[in-house]
Amino acid sequence: MPDVTFNTETMQYIALFESTTGAHAKDCLLVEDDSKIVFVVKTGDMGLAIGKNGNNINRVKKQIGRLIEVIEYSEDPKEFIRNLFQPAAVKNVTISTRGDRSIAIVDIATKDKGLAIGKNGRNINKVKLLAQRHHKLDDVVINNQK
């Protein structure tokens, strides 16, 4: 994984998240005009992060006062991309290399395309940024599937 650097604010959010949930946060991303925070947790820590009946994630949400999204990390870029697109139904992920560029081509059911892209492209932009930060993928492209 490439080096990810954090500013003081994101380090404080990570410390709060980890102390509240017991899950290890690999990354923290402030998105959507600071109204939402995305935490990428290490493989296997998703249950810890959410907690029984969502208690842990709800406590973090109350303490921070913003929406919280948790994504499980995977060493496998295909699996990580699937996790990034949740809850959209991902049919297939293909990683292709063209020259010195790595591109993930994601097959998503037509009914979930809007969910995958998000309002004003928020979701796809988040996916592209995190795919670049963690797996050095240059682009993520959505294919329509019926």
N, C-alpha and C. Protein backbone atom coordinates (compact mmCIF):
# COMPACT_ATOMS: atom_id res chain seq x y z
N MET A 1 0.84 -1.18 0.00
CA MET A 1 0.00 0.00 0.00
C MET A 1 0.89 1.24 0.00
N PRO A 2 0.56 2.22 -0.84
CA PRO A 2 1.34 3.46 -0.84
C PRO A 2 1.17 4.20 0.48
N ASP A 3 2.12 5.08 0.76
CA ASP A 3 2.03 5.87 1.98
C ASP A 3 0.86 6.83 1.90
N VAL A 4 0.06 6.87 2.95
CA VAL A 4 -1.06 7.80 3.06
C VAL A 4 -0.71 8.75 4.19
N THR A 5 -0.75 10.04 3.92
CA THR A 5 -0.43 11.01 4.96
C THR A 5 -1.72 11.64 5.50
N PHE A 6 -1.68 11.98 6.78
CA PHE A 6 -2.85 12.55 7.45
C PHE A 6 -2.50 13.91 8.03
N ASN A 7 -3.50 14.80 8.06
CA ASN A 7 -3.31 16.06 8.77
C ASN A 7 -3.77 15.86 10.22
N THR A 8 -3.62 16.87 11.03
CA THR A 8 -3.96 16.77 12.45
C THR A 8 -5.42 16.40 12.66
N GLU A 9 -6.30 17.00 11.87
CA GLU A 9 -7.74 16.73 12.02
C GLU A 9 -8.06 15.26 11.75
N THR A 10 -7.52 14.70 10.66
CA THR A 10 -7.82 13.30 10.36
C THR A 10 -7.19 12.37 11.39
N MET A 11 -6.02 12.73 11.92
CA MET A 11 -5.41 11.90 12.97
C MET A 11 -6.27 11.89 14.23
N GLN A 12 -6.90 13.02 14.55
CA GLN A 12 -7.79 13.08 15.71
C GLN A 12 -9.02 12.21 15.49
N TYR A 13 -9.58 12.26 14.28
CA TYR A 13 -10.74 11.42 13.96
C TYR A 13 -10.38 9.94 14.04
N ILE A 14 -9.20 9.58 13.53
CA ILE A 14 -8.77 8.18 13.57
C ILE A 14 -8.60 7.73 15.02
N ALA A 15 -7.98 8.55 15.85
CA ALA A 15 -7.78 8.20 17.27
C ALA A 15 -9.12 8.00 17.97
N LEU A 16 -10.07 8.89 17.72
CA LEU A 16 -11.40 8.78 18.32
C LEU A 16 -12.10 7.51 17.84
N PHE A 17 -12.05 7.27 16.53
CA PHE A 17 -12.68 6.09 15.94
C PHE A 17 -12.10 4.81 16.54
N GLU A 18 -10.77 4.72 16.60
CA GLU A 18 -10.13 3.51 17.09
C GLU A 18 -10.38 3.29 18.58
N SER A 19 -10.35 4.35 19.37
CA SER A 19 -10.58 4.19 20.81
C SER A 19 -12.04 3.84 21.12
N THR A 20 -12.95 4.32 20.30
CA THR A 20 -14.38 4.05 20.53
C THR A 20 -14.77 2.67 20.05
N THR A 21 -14.24 2.25 18.89
CA THR A 21 -14.69 0.99 18.27
C THR A 21 -13.76 -0.19 18.54
N GLY A 22 -12.49 0.07 18.74
CA GLY A 22 -11.51 -1.02 18.85
C GLY A 22 -11.02 -1.51 17.50
N ALA A 23 -11.55 -0.96 16.42
CA ALA A 23 -11.14 -1.33 15.07
C ALA A 23 -9.96 -0.47 14.63
N HIS A 24 -9.09 -1.04 13.80
CA HIS A 24 -7.92 -0.30 13.30
C HIS A 24 -8.29 0.40 11.99
N ALA A 25 -8.16 1.73 11.97
CA ALA A 25 -8.46 2.51 10.77
C ALA A 25 -7.19 2.68 9.95
N LYS A 26 -7.22 2.24 8.69
CA LYS A 26 -6.08 2.39 7.79
C LYS A 26 -6.11 3.74 7.09
N ASP A 27 -7.29 4.34 6.99
CA ASP A 27 -7.43 5.60 6.27
C ASP A 27 -8.65 6.34 6.80
N CYS A 28 -8.63 7.64 6.62
CA CYS A 28 -9.75 8.50 7.00
C CYS A 28 -9.85 9.58 5.93
N LEU A 29 -11.04 9.77 5.41
CA LEU A 29 -11.25 10.70 4.32
C LEU A 29 -12.45 11.60 4.64
N LEU A 30 -12.24 12.91 4.62
CA LEU A 30 -13.34 13.85 4.81
C LEU A 30 -13.92 14.17 3.44
N VAL A 31 -15.22 13.95 3.29
CA VAL A 31 -15.85 14.17 1.98
C VAL A 31 -17.11 15.01 2.10
N GLU A 32 -17.60 15.43 0.94
CA GLU A 32 -18.88 16.14 0.84
C GLU A 32 -18.94 17.34 1.76
N ASP A 33 -18.04 18.27 1.58
CA ASP A 33 -18.02 19.51 2.36
C ASP A 33 -17.97 19.24 3.87
N ASP A 34 -17.19 18.25 4.26
CA ASP A 34 -17.00 17.86 5.66
C ASP A 34 -18.27 17.39 6.36
N SER A 35 -19.29 16.97 5.60
CA SER A 35 -20.50 16.46 6.25
C SER A 35 -20.43 14.95 6.47
N LYS A 36 -19.41 14.30 5.89
CA LYS A 36 -19.29 12.85 5.99
C LYS A 36 -17.82 12.48 6.15
N ILE A 37 -17.57 11.46 6.94
CA ILE A 37 -16.21 10.96 7.12
C ILE A 37 -16.21 9.48 6.76
N VAL A 38 -15.25 9.09 5.92
CA VAL A 38 -15.10 7.70 5.50
C VAL A 38 -13.88 7.12 6.20
N PHE A 39 -14.08 6.00 6.88
CA PHE A 39 -12.98 5.28 7.51
C PHE A 39 -12.77 3.98 6.75
N VAL A 40 -11.52 3.67 6.41
CA VAL A 40 -11.17 2.38 5.83
C VAL A 40 -10.55 1.58 6.96
N VAL A 41 -11.18 0.44 7.29
CA VAL A 41 -10.69 -0.38 8.40
C VAL A 41 -9.97 -1.61 7.86
N LYS A 42 -9.06 -2.14 8.67
CA LYS A 42 -8.29 -3.30 8.22
C LYS A 42 -9.21 -4.50 8.05
N THR A 43 -8.76 -5.44 7.23
CA THR A 43 -9.53 -6.64 6.94
C THR A 43 -9.91 -7.35 8.24
N GLY A 44 -11.18 -7.67 8.37
CA GLY A 44 -11.67 -8.38 9.55
C GLY A 44 -12.16 -7.49 10.67
N ASP A 45 -11.98 -6.18 10.56
CA ASP A 45 -12.39 -5.27 11.63
C ASP A 45 -13.76 -4.61 11.40
N MET A 46 -14.45 -5.00 10.36
CA MET A 46 -15.74 -4.37 10.06
C MET A 46 -16.74 -4.58 11.19
N GLY A 47 -16.82 -5.79 11.72
CA GLY A 47 -17.74 -6.08 12.82
C GLY A 47 -17.44 -5.26 14.06
N LEU A 48 -16.15 -5.13 14.38
CA LEU A 48 -15.74 -4.29 15.52
C LEU A 48 -16.16 -2.84 15.30
N ALA A 49 -15.93 -2.36 14.09
CA ALA A 49 -16.24 -0.96 13.79
C ALA A 49 -17.72 -0.66 13.95
N ILE A 50 -18.55 -1.57 13.48
CA ILE A 50 -20.00 -1.35 13.55
C ILE A 50 -20.52 -1.62 14.96
N GLY A 51 -20.08 -2.72 15.55
CA GLY A 51 -20.52 -3.07 16.90
C GLY A 51 -21.89 -3.73 16.90
N LYS A 52 -22.24 -4.29 18.04
CA LYS A 52 -23.54 -4.97 18.18
C LYS A 52 -24.66 -3.95 18.01
N ASN A 53 -25.58 -4.26 17.11
CA ASN A 53 -26.71 -3.39 16.78
C ASN A 53 -26.27 -1.99 16.32
N GLY A 54 -25.04 -1.89 15.81
CA GLY A 54 -24.55 -0.60 15.32
C GLY A 54 -24.14 0.36 16.42
N ASN A 55 -23.96 -0.14 17.65
CA ASN A 55 -23.65 0.74 18.78
C ASN A 55 -22.35 1.51 18.60
N ASN A 56 -21.28 0.84 18.17
CA ASN A 56 -19.99 1.53 18.04
C ASN A 56 -20.04 2.65 17.02
N ILE A 57 -20.57 2.36 15.87
CA ILE A 57 -20.60 3.37 14.80
C ILE A 57 -21.52 4.52 15.19
N ASN A 58 -22.60 4.22 15.89
CA ASN A 58 -23.50 5.29 16.34
C ASN A 58 -22.85 6.19 17.39
N ARG A 59 -22.03 5.59 18.27
CA ARG A 59 -21.31 6.41 19.26
C ARG A 59 -20.33 7.35 18.58
N VAL A 60 -19.61 6.83 17.58
CA VAL A 60 -18.66 7.68 16.83
C VAL A 60 -19.41 8.80 16.13
N LYS A 61 -20.54 8.46 15.52
CA LYS A 61 -21.35 9.45 14.81
C LYS A 61 -21.80 10.57 15.77
N LYS A 62 -22.23 10.20 16.97
CA LYS A 62 -22.66 11.21 17.95
C LYS A 62 -21.50 12.07 18.41
N GLN A 63 -20.34 11.46 18.65
CA GLN A 63 -19.18 12.20 19.12
C GLN A 63 -18.66 13.18 18.07
N ILE A 64 -18.67 12.76 16.82
CA ILE A 64 -18.13 13.60 15.75
C ILE A 64 -19.19 14.55 15.21
N GLY A 65 -20.44 14.11 15.19
CA GLY A 65 -21.52 14.95 14.69
C GLY A 65 -21.61 14.98 13.17
N ARG A 66 -21.12 13.94 12.54
CA ARG A 66 -21.17 13.83 11.07
C ARG A 66 -21.56 12.42 10.68
N LEU A 67 -21.98 12.26 9.43
CA LEU A 67 -22.26 10.93 8.92
C LEU A 67 -20.95 10.15 8.85
N ILE A 68 -21.02 8.85 9.11
CA ILE A 68 -19.84 7.99 9.10
C ILE A 68 -20.08 6.86 8.10
N GLU A 69 -19.07 6.60 7.28
CA GLU A 69 -19.09 5.45 6.38
C GLU A 69 -17.86 4.62 6.68
N VAL A 70 -18.04 3.30 6.78
CA VAL A 70 -16.93 2.41 7.06
C VAL A 70 -16.78 1.43 5.91
N ILE A 71 -15.55 1.29 5.42
CA ILE A 71 -15.24 0.41 4.30
C ILE A 71 -14.15 -0.55 4.75
N GLU A 72 -14.33 -1.83 4.45
CA GLU A 72 -13.31 -2.82 4.82
C GLU A 72 -12.23 -2.89 3.75
N TYR A 73 -10.98 -2.77 4.19
CA TYR A 73 -9.84 -2.84 3.28
C TYR A 73 -9.61 -4.28 2.84
N SER A 74 -9.03 -4.44 1.66
CA SER A 74 -8.59 -5.75 1.19
C SER A 74 -7.30 -5.56 0.41
N GLU A 75 -6.36 -6.49 0.59
CA GLU A 75 -5.12 -6.48 -0.18
C GLU A 75 -5.41 -6.72 -1.66
N ASP A 76 -6.50 -7.43 -1.95
CA ASP A 76 -6.91 -7.71 -3.32
C ASP A 76 -7.64 -6.48 -3.86
N PRO A 77 -7.09 -5.82 -4.89
CA PRO A 77 -7.74 -4.61 -5.40
C PRO A 77 -9.17 -4.84 -5.88
N LYS A 78 -9.45 -6.02 -6.44
CA LYS A 78 -10.80 -6.31 -6.92
C LYS A 78 -11.79 -6.35 -5.76
N GLU A 79 -11.39 -7.02 -4.68
CA GLU A 79 -12.26 -7.10 -3.50
C GLU A 79 -12.43 -5.73 -2.85
N PHE A 80 -11.35 -4.95 -2.81
CA PHE A 80 -11.42 -3.61 -2.23
C PHE A 80 -12.40 -2.74 -3.03
N ILE A 81 -12.36 -2.84 -4.35
CA ILE A 81 -13.29 -2.07 -5.20
C ILE A 81 -14.73 -2.50 -4.91
N ARG A 82 -14.96 -3.80 -4.77
CA ARG A 82 -16.30 -4.29 -4.42
C ARG A 82 -16.76 -3.65 -3.10
N ASN A 83 -15.87 -3.63 -2.13
CA ASN A 83 -16.21 -3.04 -0.83
C ASN A 83 -16.50 -1.55 -0.94
N LEU A 84 -15.74 -0.86 -1.79
CA LEU A 84 -15.94 0.58 -1.97
C LEU A 84 -17.32 0.90 -2.54
N PHE A 85 -17.83 0.03 -3.41
CA PHE A 85 -19.11 0.30 -4.07
C PHE A 85 -20.33 -0.13 -3.24
N GLN A 86 -20.14 -0.80 -2.11
CA GLN A 86 -21.28 -1.22 -1.31
C GLN A 86 -22.18 -0.03 -1.01
N PRO A 87 -23.48 -0.15 -1.06
CA PRO A 87 -24.30 -1.34 -1.23
C PRO A 87 -24.68 -1.66 -2.67
N ALA A 88 -24.10 -1.00 -3.66
CA ALA A 88 -24.41 -1.29 -5.06
C ALA A 88 -23.94 -2.71 -5.40
N ALA A 89 -24.72 -3.40 -6.23
CA ALA A 89 -24.40 -4.78 -6.61
C ALA A 89 -23.33 -4.78 -7.69
N VAL A 90 -22.14 -5.23 -7.33
CA VAL A 90 -21.02 -5.32 -8.28
C VAL A 90 -21.00 -6.74 -8.83
N LYS A 91 -21.13 -6.85 -10.16
CA LYS A 91 -21.15 -8.16 -10.81
C LYS A 91 -19.73 -8.69 -11.02
N ASN A 92 -18.82 -7.80 -11.46
CA ASN A 92 -17.46 -8.22 -11.78
C ASN A 92 -16.53 -7.02 -11.74
N VAL A 93 -15.27 -7.27 -11.39
CA VAL A 93 -14.24 -6.24 -11.44
C VAL A 93 -13.06 -6.81 -12.22
N THR A 94 -12.62 -6.06 -13.22
CA THR A 94 -11.47 -6.45 -14.03
C THR A 94 -10.43 -5.34 -13.93
N ILE A 95 -9.19 -5.72 -13.67
CA ILE A 95 -8.10 -4.75 -13.64
C ILE A 95 -7.31 -4.92 -14.94
N SER A 96 -7.22 -3.86 -15.72
CA SER A 96 -6.45 -3.93 -16.95
C SER A 96 -5.34 -2.89 -16.92
N THR A 97 -4.23 -3.24 -17.54
CA THR A 97 -3.09 -2.34 -17.61
C THR A 97 -2.89 -1.94 -19.06
N ARG A 98 -2.89 -0.64 -19.28
CA ARG A 98 -2.65 -0.11 -20.62
C ARG A 98 -1.46 0.83 -20.52
N GLY A 99 -0.34 0.38 -21.03
CA GLY A 99 0.87 1.18 -20.88
C GLY A 99 1.27 1.19 -19.42
N ASP A 100 1.40 2.37 -18.88
CA ASP A 100 1.76 2.49 -17.46
C ASP A 100 0.56 2.83 -16.59
N ARG A 101 -0.66 2.68 -17.15
CA ARG A 101 -1.88 3.00 -16.41
C ARG A 101 -2.63 1.73 -16.04
N SER A 102 -3.09 1.67 -14.79
CA SER A 102 -3.92 0.56 -14.32
C SER A 102 -5.34 1.08 -14.16
N ILE A 103 -6.28 0.36 -14.77
CA ILE A 103 -7.67 0.79 -14.76
C ILE A 103 -8.54 -0.36 -14.25
N ALA A 104 -9.45 -0.05 -13.35
CA ALA A 104 -10.43 -1.03 -12.88
C ALA A 104 -11.72 -0.82 -13.65
N ILE A 105 -12.20 -1.88 -14.29
CA ILE A 105 -13.47 -1.84 -15.02
C ILE A 105 -14.47 -2.62 -14.17
N VAL A 106 -15.53 -1.93 -13.76
CA VAL A 106 -16.49 -2.50 -12.81
C VAL A 106 -17.83 -2.68 -13.49
N ASP A 107 -18.34 -3.92 -13.47
CA ASP A 107 -19.66 -4.23 -14.01
C ASP A 107 -20.68 -4.10 -12.89
N ILE A 108 -21.61 -3.16 -13.08
CA ILE A 108 -22.64 -2.89 -12.07
C ILE A 108 -24.01 -3.00 -12.74
N ALA A 109 -24.95 -3.60 -12.03
CA ALA A 109 -26.31 -3.72 -12.56
C ALA A 109 -26.86 -2.33 -12.87
N THR A 110 -27.60 -2.22 -13.97
CA THR A 110 -28.15 -0.94 -14.40
C THR A 110 -28.95 -0.27 -13.29
N LYS A 111 -29.70 -1.07 -12.53
CA LYS A 111 -30.52 -0.50 -11.45
C LYS A 111 -29.69 0.17 -10.36
N ASP A 112 -28.42 -0.21 -10.23
CA ASP A 112 -27.55 0.34 -9.19
C ASP A 112 -26.56 1.37 -9.71
N LYS A 113 -26.65 1.70 -10.99
CA LYS A 113 -25.67 2.64 -11.56
C LYS A 113 -25.73 4.00 -10.88
N GLY A 114 -26.92 4.52 -10.64
CA GLY A 114 -27.07 5.81 -9.97
C GLY A 114 -26.49 5.79 -8.56
N LEU A 115 -26.71 4.69 -7.85
CA LEU A 115 -26.16 4.52 -6.51
C LEU A 115 -24.63 4.48 -6.55
N ALA A 116 -24.09 3.79 -7.55
CA ALA A 116 -22.64 3.67 -7.67
C ALA A 116 -21.98 5.01 -7.98
N ILE A 117 -22.62 5.81 -8.81
CA ILE A 117 -22.06 7.11 -9.19
C ILE A 117 -22.29 8.14 -8.08
N GLY A 118 -23.50 8.17 -7.54
CA GLY A 118 -23.82 9.11 -6.47
C GLY A 118 -24.17 10.48 -7.00
N LYS A 119 -24.77 11.29 -6.14
CA LYS A 119 -25.17 12.65 -6.50
C LYS A 119 -23.94 13.47 -6.87
N ASN A 120 -23.98 14.07 -8.05
CA ASN A 120 -22.86 14.86 -8.56
C ASN A 120 -21.55 14.08 -8.62
N GLY A 121 -21.63 12.74 -8.73
CA GLY A 121 -20.43 11.92 -8.85
C GLY A 121 -19.67 11.70 -7.56
N ARG A 122 -20.30 11.98 -6.41
CA ARG A 122 -19.60 11.85 -5.13
C ARG A 122 -19.06 10.45 -4.88
N ASN A 123 -19.90 9.44 -5.10
CA ASN A 123 -19.49 8.07 -4.79
C ASN A 123 -18.36 7.59 -5.70
N ILE A 124 -18.49 7.81 -6.99
CA ILE A 124 -17.44 7.35 -7.91
C ILE A 124 -16.14 8.11 -7.66
N ASN A 125 -16.22 9.38 -7.31
CA ASN A 125 -15.00 10.14 -7.01
C ASN A 125 -14.32 9.61 -5.75
N LYS A 126 -15.12 9.23 -4.75
CA LYS A 126 -14.57 8.62 -3.52
C LYS A 126 -13.89 7.30 -3.86
N VAL A 127 -14.54 6.49 -4.69
CA VAL A 127 -13.98 5.20 -5.09
C VAL A 127 -12.65 5.40 -5.82
N LYS A 128 -12.62 6.34 -6.76
CA LYS A 128 -11.39 6.59 -7.53
C LYS A 128 -10.26 7.04 -6.61
N LEU A 129 -10.56 7.94 -5.69
CA LEU A 129 -9.53 8.45 -4.78
C LEU A 129 -8.97 7.35 -3.89
N LEU A 130 -9.84 6.55 -3.29
CA LEU A 130 -9.38 5.49 -2.39
C LEU A 130 -8.69 4.36 -3.15
N ALA A 131 -9.14 4.06 -4.37
CA ALA A 131 -8.47 3.04 -5.19
C ALA A 131 -7.06 3.50 -5.56
N GLN A 132 -6.91 4.78 -5.83
CA GLN A 132 -5.58 5.34 -6.13
C GLN A 132 -4.69 5.31 -4.89
N ARG A 133 -5.23 5.73 -3.76
CA ARG A 133 -4.44 5.82 -2.52
C ARG A 133 -3.96 4.46 -2.03
N HIS A 134 -4.80 3.43 -2.19
CA HIS A 134 -4.47 2.13 -1.60
C HIS A 134 -3.93 1.11 -2.59
N HIS A 135 -4.26 1.24 -3.88
CA HIS A 135 -3.81 0.23 -4.85
C HIS A 135 -3.21 0.84 -6.11
N LYS A 136 -2.97 2.13 -6.09
CA LYS A 136 -2.36 2.85 -7.23
C LYS A 136 -3.08 2.60 -8.55
N LEU A 137 -4.40 2.51 -8.49
CA LEU A 137 -5.21 2.39 -9.71
C LEU A 137 -5.44 3.79 -10.26
N ASP A 138 -5.16 3.98 -11.54
CA ASP A 138 -5.26 5.30 -12.14
C ASP A 138 -6.70 5.72 -12.42
N ASP A 139 -7.59 4.75 -12.65
CA ASP A 139 -8.97 5.11 -12.95
C ASP A 139 -9.89 3.94 -12.61
N VAL A 140 -11.15 4.25 -12.37
CA VAL A 140 -12.19 3.26 -12.15
C VAL A 140 -13.33 3.62 -13.09
N VAL A 141 -13.72 2.66 -13.94
CA VAL A 141 -14.74 2.88 -14.96
C VAL A 141 -15.90 1.93 -14.70
N ILE A 142 -17.13 2.46 -14.81
CA ILE A 142 -18.33 1.65 -14.59
C ILE A 142 -18.90 1.20 -15.92
N ASN A 143 -19.17 -0.12 -16.02
CA ASN A 143 -19.87 -0.71 -17.16
C ASN A 143 -21.31 -0.98 -16.75
N ASN A 144 -22.24 -0.82 -17.67
CA ASN A 144 -23.64 -1.16 -17.40
C ASN A 144 -23.86 -2.65 -17.60
N GLN A 145 -24.56 -3.28 -16.69
CA GLN A 145 -24.95 -4.68 -16.81
C GLN A 145 -26.43 -4.80 -16.50
N LYS A 146 -27.13 -5.64 -17.25
CA LYS A 146 -28.56 -5.84 -16.98
C LYS A 146 -28.77 -6.93 -15.99
